PDB file of N, CA and C in Angstrom:
ATOM      1  N   MET A   1       9.500   0.178  12.649  1.00  0.00           N
ATOM      2  CA  MET A   1       9.373  -0.718  13.974  1.00  0.00           C
ATOM      3  C   MET A   1       9.191  -0.566  14.916  1.00  0.00           C
ATOM      4  N   SER A   2       8.961  -1.746  15.956  1.00  0.00           N
ATOM      5  CA  SER A   2       8.356  -1.423  16.957  1.00  0.00           C
ATOM      6  C   SER A   2       9.335  -2.085  18.402  1.00  0.00           C
ATOM      7  N   GLN A   3       8.544  -1.637  19.832  1.00  0.00           N
ATOM      8  CA  GLN A   3       9.036  -1.844  20.794  1.00  0.00           C
ATOM      9  C   GLN A   3       8.556  -2.253  21.655  1.00  0.00           C
ATOM     10  N   PHE A   4       9.068  -3.599  22.397  1.00  0.00           N
ATOM     11  CA  PHE A   4       8.359  -4.035  23.278  1.00  0.00           C
ATOM     12  C   PHE A   4       9.369  -4.283  24.423  1.00  0.00           C
ATOM     13  N   ALA A   5       8.600  -4.807  25.786  1.00  0.00           N
ATOM     14  CA  ALA A   5       9.593  -5.033  26.739  1.00  0.00           C
ATOM     15  C   ALA A   5       8.581  -6.771  27.304  1.00  0.00           C
ATOM     16  N   HIS A   6      10.111  -7.875  27.438  1.00  0.00           N
ATOM     17  CA  HIS A   6       9.656  -8.896  28.084  1.00  0.00           C
ATOM     18  C   HIS A   6      10.412  -9.683  29.092  1.00  0.00           C
ATOM     19  N   GLU A   7       9.895  -9.849  30.470  1.00  0.00           N
ATOM     20  CA  GLU A   7      10.865 -10.669  31.441  1.00  0.00           C
ATOM     21  C   GLU A   7      12.511  -9.484  31.811  1.00  0.00           C
ATOM     22  N   GLY A   8      11.833  -8.131  31.830  1.00  0.00           N
ATOM     23  CA  GLY A   8      12.850  -7.267  32.310  1.00  0.00           C
ATOM     24  C   GLY A   8      13.717  -6.650  31.153  1.00  0.00           C
ATOM     25  N   ARG A   9      13.633  -7.209  29.786  1.00  0.00           N
ATOM     26  CA  ARG A   9      14.394  -6.949  28.884  1.00  0.00           C
ATOM     27  C   ARG A   9      13.962  -5.858  28.094  1.00  0.00           C
ATOM     28  N   THR A  10      14.079  -5.057  27.006  1.00  0.00           N
ATOM     29  CA  THR A  10      13.283  -4.863  25.805  1.00  0.00           C
ATOM     30  C   THR A  10      13.822  -4.723  24.903  1.00  0.00           C
ATOM     31  N   PHE A  11      13.161  -5.137  23.514  1.00  0.00           N
ATOM     32  CA  PHE A  11      13.186  -5.695  22.354  1.00  0.00           C
ATOM     33  C   PHE A  11      12.654  -4.781  21.529  1.00  0.00           C
ATOM     34  N   ARG A  12      13.569  -4.812  20.272  1.00  0.00           N
ATOM     35  CA  ARG A  12      13.035  -3.629  19.266  1.00  0.00           C
ATOM     36  C   ARG A  12      12.825  -4.849  17.844  1.00  0.00           C
ATOM     37  N   VAL A  13      12.022  -5.007  17.355  1.00  0.00           N
ATOM     38  CA  VAL A  13      11.574  -5.687  16.415  1.00  0.00           C
ATOM     39  C   VAL A  13      11.164  -4.750  14.897  1.00  0.00           C
ATOM     40  N   ALA A  14      11.948  -5.675  13.910  1.00  0.00           N
ATOM     41  CA  ALA A  14      12.618  -4.859  12.538  1.00  0.00           C
ATOM     42  C   ALA A  14      11.083  -5.950  11.751  1.00  0.00           C
ATOM     43  N   GLY A  15       9.950  -5.031  11.392  1.00  0.00           N
ATOM     44  CA  GLY A  15       9.691  -6.858  10.039  1.00  0.00           C
ATOM     45  C   GLY A  15       9.757  -6.144   8.974  1.00  0.00           C
ATOM     46  N   ILE A  16       9.051  -6.915   8.104  1.00  0.00           N
ATOM     47  CA  ILE A  16       9.109  -7.041   6.500  1.00  0.00           C
ATOM     48  C   ILE A  16       7.827  -6.848   6.216  1.00  0.00           C
ATOM     49  N   GLY A  17       8.050  -6.145   4.846  1.00  0.00           N
ATOM     50  CA  GLY A  17       6.428  -6.124   3.978  1.00  0.00           C
ATOM     51  C   GLY A  17       6.387  -7.463   2.833  1.00  0.00           C
ATOM     52  N   ILE A  18       5.315  -7.941   3.039  1.00  0.00           N
ATOM     53  CA  ILE A  18       4.813  -9.330   2.079  1.00  0.00           C
ATOM     54  C   ILE A  18       4.237  -8.526   0.994  1.00  0.00           C
ATOM     55  N   ASN A  19       4.251  -8.078  -0.479  1.00  0.00           N
ATOM     56  CA  ASN A  19       3.126  -8.143  -1.187  1.00  0.00           C
ATOM     57  C   ASN A  19       2.440  -9.269  -1.852  1.00  0.00           C
ATOM     58  N   LEU A  20       1.095  -8.920  -1.239  1.00  0.00           N
ATOM     59  CA  LEU A  20       0.405 -10.303  -1.526  1.00  0.00           C
ATOM     60  C   LEU A  20      -0.226  -9.854  -3.445  1.00  0.00           C
ATOM     61  N   ALA A  21      -0.354  -8.501  -3.285  1.00  0.00           N
ATOM     62  CA  ALA A  21      -0.593  -8.330  -4.887  1.00  0.00           C
ATOM     63  C   ALA A  21      -1.011  -6.394  -5.232  1.00  0.00           C
ATOM     64  N   TRP A  22       0.088  -6.478  -6.135  1.00  0.00           N
ATOM     65  CA  TRP A  22       0.334  -4.946  -6.627  1.00  0.00           C
ATOM     66  C   TRP A  22      -1.496  -4.344  -6.752  1.00  0.00           C
ATOM     67  N   ILE A  23      -1.724  -3.542  -6.746  1.00  0.00           N
ATOM     68  CA  ILE A  23      -3.309  -3.134  -7.508  1.00  0.00           C
ATOM     69  C   ILE A  23      -2.781  -2.101  -8.539  1.00  0.00           C
ATOM     70  N   ASN A  24      -1.676  -1.048  -8.071  1.00  0.00           N
ATOM     71  CA  ASN A  24      -1.060  -0.255  -9.215  1.00  0.00           C
ATOM     72  C   ASN A  24       0.418  -0.849  -9.606  1.00  0.00           C
ATOM     73  N   PRO A  25       1.098  -0.715 -11.072  1.00  0.00           N
ATOM     74  CA  PRO A  25       2.360  -0.926 -11.274  1.00  0.00           C
ATOM     75  C   PRO A  25       3.166  -0.084 -10.257  1.00  0.00           C
ATOM     76  N   GLN A  26       4.409  -0.384  -9.922  1.00  0.00           N
ATOM     77  CA  GLN A  26       5.402   0.454  -9.358  1.00  0.00           C
ATOM     78  C   GLN A  26       6.366   0.697 -10.598  1.00  0.00           C
ATOM     79  N   PRO A  27       6.669   2.615 -10.190  1.00  0.00           N
ATOM     80  CA  PRO A  27       7.748   2.991 -11.387  1.00  0.00           C
ATOM     81  C   PRO A  27       9.311   1.698 -11.559  1.00  0.00           C
ATOM     82  N   GLU A  28       9.824   1.782 -12.171  1.00  0.00           N
ATOM     83  CA  GLU A  28      10.743   1.015 -12.591  1.00  0.00           C
ATOM     84  C   GLU A  28      12.117   1.219 -12.069  1.00  0.00           C
ATOM     85  N   THR A  29      11.681   2.522 -11.158  1.00  0.00           N
ATOM     86  CA  THR A  29      12.744   3.097  -9.406  1.00  0.00           C
ATOM     87  C   THR A  29      12.527   2.201  -8.019  1.00  0.00           C
ATOM     88  N   PHE A  30      11.513   1.695  -8.307  1.00  0.00           N
ATOM     89  CA  PHE A  30      10.705   0.610  -7.192  1.00  0.00           C
ATOM     90  C   PHE A  30      10.600  -0.504  -7.305  1.00  0.00           C
ATOM     91  N   PRO A  31      11.797  -1.471  -8.079  1.00  0.00           N
ATOM     92  CA  PRO A  31      11.515  -2.574  -8.433  1.00  0.00           C
ATOM     93  C   PRO A  31      11.165  -3.319  -7.444  1.00  0.00           C
ATOM     94  N   SER A  32       9.558  -3.785  -8.069  1.00  0.00           N
ATOM     95  CA  SER A  32       9.230  -5.145  -6.911  1.00  0.00           C
ATOM     96  C   SER A  32       8.203  -6.009  -7.229  1.00  0.00           C
ATOM     97  N   THR A  33       8.159  -6.977  -6.233  1.00  0.00           N
ATOM     98  CA  THR A  33       7.234  -8.176  -7.136  1.00  0.00           C
ATOM     99  C   THR A  33       5.908  -8.728  -5.615  1.00  0.00           C
ATOM    100  N   ASP A  34       4.572  -9.059  -6.339  1.00  0.00           N
ATOM    101  CA  ASP A  34       4.111  -9.405  -5.421  1.00  0.00           C
ATOM    102  C   ASP A  34       3.718 -11.092  -4.904  1.00  0.00           C
ATOM    103  N   LEU A  35       3.241 -12.011  -4.347  1.00  0.00           N
ATOM    104  CA  LEU A  35       3.012 -13.223  -4.421  1.00  0.00           C
ATOM    105  C   LEU A  35       1.760 -13.704  -5.853  1.00  0.00           C
ATOM    106  N   GLN A  36       0.823 -13.355  -5.077  1.00  0.00           N
ATOM    107  CA  GLN A  36       0.555 -13.142  -6.493  1.00  0.00           C
ATOM    108  C   GLN A  36       0.468 -13.627  -7.875  1.00  0.00           C
ATOM    109  N   SER A  37       1.903 -12.620  -8.039  1.00  0.00           N
ATOM    110  CA  SER A  37       2.362 -12.636  -9.523  1.00  0.00           C
ATOM    111  C   SER A  37       3.566 -13.977  -9.844  1.00  0.00           C
ATOM    112  N   VAL A  38       3.971 -14.248  -8.813  1.00  0.00           N
ATOM    113  CA  VAL A  38       4.756 -15.193  -8.574  1.00  0.00           C
ATOM    114  C   VAL A  38       4.059 -16.548  -8.830  1.00  0.00           C
ATOM    115  N   LEU A  39       3.342 -16.705  -7.825  1.00  0.00           N
ATOM    116  CA  LEU A  39       2.683 -17.935  -8.106  1.00  0.00           C
ATOM    117  C   LEU A  39       1.464 -18.166  -9.070  1.00  0.00           C
ATOM    118  N   CYS A  40       1.277 -17.105  -9.463  1.00  0.00           N
ATOM    119  CA  CYS A  40       0.125 -17.102 -10.608  1.00  0.00           C
ATOM    120  C   CYS A  40      -1.071 -17.863  -9.685  1.00  0.00           C
ATOM    121  N   ARG A  41      -1.270 -17.224  -8.761  1.00  0.00           N
ATOM    122  CA  ARG A  41      -2.656 -17.307  -8.526  1.00  0.00           C
ATOM    123  C   ARG A  41      -2.955 -16.928  -7.116  1.00  0.00           C
ATOM    124  N   PRO A  42      -4.632 -16.107  -7.265  1.00  0.00           N
ATOM    125  CA  PRO A  42      -4.495 -15.169  -5.662  1.00  0.00           C
ATOM    126  C   PRO A  42      -3.894 -15.805  -4.469  1.00  0.00           C
ATOM    127  N   VAL A  43      -3.547 -14.935  -3.299  1.00  0.00           N
ATOM    128  CA  VAL A  43      -3.113 -14.884  -2.016  1.00  0.00           C
ATOM    129  C   VAL A  43      -3.864 -14.885  -1.496  1.00  0.00           C
ATOM    130  N   GLU A  44      -4.287 -15.774   0.306  1.00  0.00           N
ATOM    131  CA  GLU A  44      -5.172 -14.925   1.148  1.00  0.00           C
ATOM    132  C   GLU A  44      -3.872 -14.704   1.975  1.00  0.00           C
ATOM    133  N   ARG A  45      -4.728 -13.243   3.058  1.00  0.00           N
ATOM    134  CA  ARG A  45      -3.148 -13.093   3.546  1.00  0.00           C
ATOM    135  C   ARG A  45      -2.846 -14.018   5.246  1.00  0.00           C
ATOM    136  N   SER A  46      -4.056 -14.208   5.369  1.00  0.00           N
ATOM    137  CA  SER A  46      -4.425 -15.743   6.242  1.00  0.00           C
ATOM    138  C   SER A  46      -3.434 -16.816   5.665  1.00  0.00           C
ATOM    139  N   GLU A  47      -3.518 -17.487   4.593  1.00  0.00           N
ATOM    140  CA  GLU A  47      -2.443 -18.302   3.840  1.00  0.00           C
ATOM    141  C   GLU A  47      -0.792 -18.142   4.573  1.00  0.00           C
ATOM    142  N   VAL A  48      -0.728 -16.606   3.844  1.00  0.00           N
ATOM    143  CA  VAL A  48       0.938 -16.437   3.935  1.00  0.00           C
ATOM    144  C   VAL A  48       0.897 -16.518   6.178  1.00  0.00           C
ATOM    145  N   VAL A  49       0.463 -15.927   6.411  1.00  0.00           N
ATOM    146  CA  VAL A  49       0.309 -15.634   8.053  1.00  0.00           C
ATOM    147  C   VAL A  49       0.605 -16.921   8.196  1.00  0.00           C
ATOM    148  N   GLN A  50      -0.081 -18.338   8.237  1.00  0.00           N
ATOM    149  CA  GLN A  50      -0.144 -19.164   8.742  1.00  0.00           C
ATOM    150  C   GLN A  50       1.256 -20.081   8.070  1.00  0.00           C
ATOM    151  N   ARG A  51       1.706 -19.852   6.772  1.00  0.00           N
ATOM    152  CA  ARG A  51       2.425 -20.443   6.198  1.00  0.00           C
ATOM    153  C   ARG A  51       3.757 -20.104   7.391  1.00  0.00           C
ATOM    154  N   ILE A  52       3.656 -18.972   7.439  1.00  0.00           N
ATOM    155  CA  ILE A  52       4.824 -17.925   8.057  1.00  0.00           C
ATOM    156  C   ILE A  52       5.520 -18.626   9.576  1.00  0.00           C
ATOM    157  N   LEU A  53       4.094 -18.665  10.694  1.00  0.00           N
ATOM    158  CA  LEU A  53       3.642 -19.243  11.643  1.00  0.00           C
ATOM    159  C   LEU A  53       4.133 -20.640  11.715  1.00  0.00           C
ATOM    160  N   GLU A  54       3.934 -21.780  10.526  1.00  0.00           N
ATOM    161  CA  GLU A  54       4.402 -22.602  10.630  1.00  0.00           C
ATOM    162  C   GLU A  54       5.650 -22.983  10.562  1.00  0.00           C
ATOM    163  N   VAL A  55       6.312 -22.025   9.576  1.00  0.00           N
ATOM    164  CA  VAL A  55       8.028 -22.702   9.818  1.00  0.00           C
ATOM    165  C   VAL A  55       8.535 -21.934  11.128  1.00  0.00           C
ATOM    166  N   THR A  56       8.193 -20.731  12.025  1.00  0.00           N
ATOM    167  CA  THR A  56       8.652 -19.914  12.629  1.00  0.00           C
ATOM    168  C   THR A  56       8.580 -20.925  13.935  1.00  0.00           C
ATOM    169  N   ALA A  57       7.694 -21.762  13.981  1.00  0.00           N
ATOM    170  CA  ALA A  57       7.313 -22.710  15.157  1.00  0.00           C
ATOM    171  C   ALA A  57       7.897 -24.114  15.093  1.00  0.00           C
ATOM    172  N   ARG A  58       8.325 -24.533  13.802  1.00  0.00           N
ATOM    173  CA  ARG A  58       9.244 -25.447  14.056  1.00  0.00           C
ATOM    174  C   ARG A  58      10.928 -25.142  14.709  1.00  0.00           C
ATOM    175  N   GLY A  59      11.046 -23.709  14.540  1.00  0.00           N
ATOM    176  CA  GLY A  59      12.481 -23.078  15.065  1.00  0.00           C
ATOM    177  C   GLY A  59      12.377 -22.809  16.606  1.00  0.00           C
ATOM    178  N   ILE A  60      11.265 -22.801  17.276  1.00  0.00           N
ATOM    179  CA  ILE A  60      10.698 -23.018  18.598  1.00  0.00           C
ATOM    180  C   ILE A  60      11.318 -23.743  19.717  1.00  0.00           C
ATOM    181  N   GLN A  61      12.456 -23.235  20.243  1.00  0.00           N
ATOM    182  CA  GLN A  61      12.723 -24.632  21.407  1.00  0.00           C
ATOM    183  C   GLN A  61      12.535 -24.503  22.602  1.00  0.00           C
ATOM    184  N   THR A  62      12.541 -23.386  23.046  1.00  0.00           N
ATOM    185  CA  THR A  62      12.301 -22.996  24.856  1.00  0.00           C
ATOM    186  C   THR A  62      10.943 -22.385  25.189  1.00  0.00           C
ATOM    187  N   GLU A  63      10.732 -21.948  26.265  1.00  0.00           N
ATOM    188  CA  GLU A  63       9.665 -21.355  26.561  1.00  0.00           C
ATOM    189  C   GLU A  63       9.514 -20.001  26.417  1.00  0.00           C
ATOM    190  N   LYS A  64      10.492 -19.212  26.416  1.00  0.00           N
ATOM    191  CA  LYS A  64      10.918 -18.243  26.048  1.00  0.00           C
ATOM    192  C   LYS A  64      10.373 -17.762  24.645  1.00  0.00           C
ATOM    193  N   ASP A  65      10.752 -18.730  23.995  1.00  0.00           N
ATOM    194  CA  ASP A  65      10.386 -18.574  22.643  1.00  0.00           C
ATOM    195  C   ASP A  65       9.287 -18.932  22.366  1.00  0.00           C
ATOM    196  N   ARG A  66       8.598 -19.224  23.214  1.00  0.00           N
ATOM    197  CA  ARG A  66       6.994 -19.882  22.845  1.00  0.00           C
ATOM    198  C   ARG A  66       6.208 -18.239  23.361  1.00  0.00           C
ATOM    199  N   ASN A  67       7.312 -17.665  24.264  1.00  0.00           N
ATOM    200  CA  ASN A  67       6.314 -16.427  24.525  1.00  0.00           C
ATOM    201  C   ASN A  67       6.224 -15.507  23.874  1.00  0.00           C
ATOM    202  N   LEU A  68       7.243 -15.206  23.536  1.00  0.00           N
ATOM    203  CA  LEU A  68       7.807 -13.813  22.311  1.00  0.00           C
ATOM    204  C   LEU A  68       7.309 -14.356  21.078  1.00  0.00           C
ATOM    205  N   LEU A  69       6.712 -15.824  20.781  1.00  0.00           N
ATOM    206  CA  LEU A  69       5.818 -16.397  19.668  1.00  0.00           C
ATOM    207  C   LEU A  69       4.408 -15.546  20.052  1.00  0.00           C
ATOM    208  N   ASP A  70       4.525 -15.795  21.440  1.00  0.00           N
ATOM    209  CA  ASP A  70       2.682 -15.583  21.891  1.00  0.00           C
ATOM    210  C   ASP A  70       2.274 -13.998  21.789  1.00  0.00           C
ATOM    211  N   LYS A  71       3.325 -13.114  21.984  1.00  0.00           N
ATOM    212  CA  LYS A  71       3.663 -11.800  21.386  1.00  0.00           C
ATOM    213  C   LYS A  71       3.405 -11.512  20.331  1.00  0.00           C
ATOM    214  N   ALA A  72       4.522 -11.989  19.637  1.00  0.00           N
ATOM    215  CA  ALA A  72       4.161 -11.623  18.431  1.00  0.00           C
ATOM    216  C   ALA A  72       2.549 -11.914  17.728  1.00  0.00           C
ATOM    217  N   ILE A  73       2.112 -13.262  17.939  1.00  0.00           N
ATOM    218  CA  ILE A  73       1.036 -12.988  17.599  1.00  0.00           C
ATOM    219  C   ILE A  73      -0.450 -11.904  17.902  1.00  0.00           C
ATOM    220  N   LEU A  74      -0.232 -11.933  19.188  1.00  0.00           N
ATOM    221  CA  LEU A  74      -1.094 -10.654  19.409  1.00  0.00           C
ATOM    222  C   LEU A  74      -1.001  -9.489  18.748  1.00  0.00           C
ATOM    223  N   ASP A  75       0.569  -8.950  18.465  1.00  0.00           N
ATOM    224  CA  ASP A  75       0.525  -7.926  17.555  1.00  0.00           C
ATOM    225  C   ASP A  75       0.046  -8.325  16.338  1.00  0.00           C
ATOM    226  N   LEU A  76       0.270  -9.672  15.821  1.00  0.00           N
ATOM    227  CA  LEU A  76      -0.471  -9.488  14.522  1.00  0.00           C
ATOM    228  C   LEU A  76      -1.880  -9.482  14.488  1.00  0.00           C
ATOM    229  N   ARG A  77      -2.399  -9.763  15.290  1.00  0.00           N
ATOM    230  CA  ARG A  77      -3.751  -9.721  15.631  1.00  0.00           C
ATOM    231  C   ARG A  77      -3.940  -8.040  15.141  1.00  0.00           C
ATOM    232  N   ALA A  78      -3.533  -7.244  15.885  1.00  0.00           N
ATOM    233  CA  ALA A  78      -3.852  -5.762  15.886  1.00  0.00           C
ATOM    234  C   ALA A  78      -3.661  -5.603  14.016  1.00  0.00           C
ATOM    235  N   ALA A  79      -4.208  -4.497  13.741  1.00  0.00           N
ATOM    236  CA  ALA A  79      -4.526  -3.981  12.521  1.00  0.00           C
ATOM    237  C   ALA A  79      -3.671  -3.394  11.836  1.00  0.00           C
ATOM    238  N   PRO A  80      -3.169  -4.097  10.851  1.00  0.00           N
ATOM    239  CA  PRO A  80      -1.863  -3.705  10.376  1.00  0.00           C
ATOM    240  C   PRO A  80      -1.822  -1.514   9.968  1.00  0.00           C
ATOM    241  N   GLN A  81      -1.425  -0.829  10.199  1.00  0.00           N
ATOM    242  CA  GLN A  81      -1.375   0.835   9.910  1.00  0.00           C
ATOM    243  C   GLN A  81      -0.781   0.926   8.824  1.00  0.00           C
ATOM    244  N   THR A  82       0.014   0.020   8.072  1.00  0.00           N
ATOM    245  CA  THR A  82       0.239  -0.005   6.304  1.00  0.00           C
ATOM    246  C   THR A  82      -1.198  -0.651   5.162  1.00  0.00           C
ATOM    247  N   LEU A  83      -1.807  -1.570   6.073  1.00  0.00           N
ATOM    248  CA  LEU A  83      -2.393  -2.015   5.164  1.00  0.00           C
ATOM    249  C   LEU A  83      -3.305  -1.358   4.111  1.00  0.00           C
ATOM    250  N   GLY A  84      -3.178  -1.582   2.996  1.00  0.00           N
ATOM    251  CA  GLY A  84      -3.330  -1.057   1.999  1.00  0.00           C
ATOM    252  C   GLY A  84      -2.559   0.646   1.252  1.00  0.00           C
ATOM    253  N   LYS A  85      -1.357   0.900   1.770  1.00  0.00           N
ATOM    254  CA  LYS A  85      -1.213   1.675   1.430  1.00  0.00           C
ATOM    255  C   LYS A  85      -0.057   1.942   0.576  1.00  0.00           C
ATOM    256  N   ALA A  86       0.770   2.512   0.058  1.00  0.00           N
ATOM    257  CA  ALA A  86       1.902   2.833  -0.089  1.00  0.00           C
ATOM    258  C   ALA A  86       2.871   3.184   0.846  1.00  0.00           C
ATOM    259  N   ILE A  87       4.204   2.322   1.696  1.00  0.00           N
ATOM    260  CA  ILE A  87       5.236   2.372   1.678  1.00  0.00           C
ATOM    261  C   ILE A  87       6.350   2.029   1.074  1.00  0.00           C
ATOM    262  N   GLY A  88       7.700   2.932   1.829  1.00  0.00           N
ATOM    263  CA  GLY A  88       8.842   2.767   0.633  1.00  0.00           C
ATOM    264  C   GLY A  88       8.965   3.876  -0.006  1.00  0.00           C
ATOM    265  N   LYS A  89      10.476   3.864  -0.437  1.00  0.00           N
ATOM    266  CA  LYS A  89      11.138   5.001  -1.457  1.00  0.00           C
ATOM    267  C   LYS A  89      10.794   4.833  -2.922  1.00  0.00           C
TER     268      LYS A  89
END
């Protein structure tokens, strides 16, 4: 979870993880899947980010929404701390 301030308000943002491809199979106690397995083809991270942004942009209605999306895009440009690491229980 991250936190940021915008126009005098504080926001907390909870993210989701999207598995592009599993390198190591997960145990039965942690059922999961990945896009590569579902789509039966390799998936590039940029392809996923582009699609998420396209769908999100359709819902943008106000200048405030655009400003928040701009902030989210800047956060996406930062290197993810969990990239390549196993997370979850």
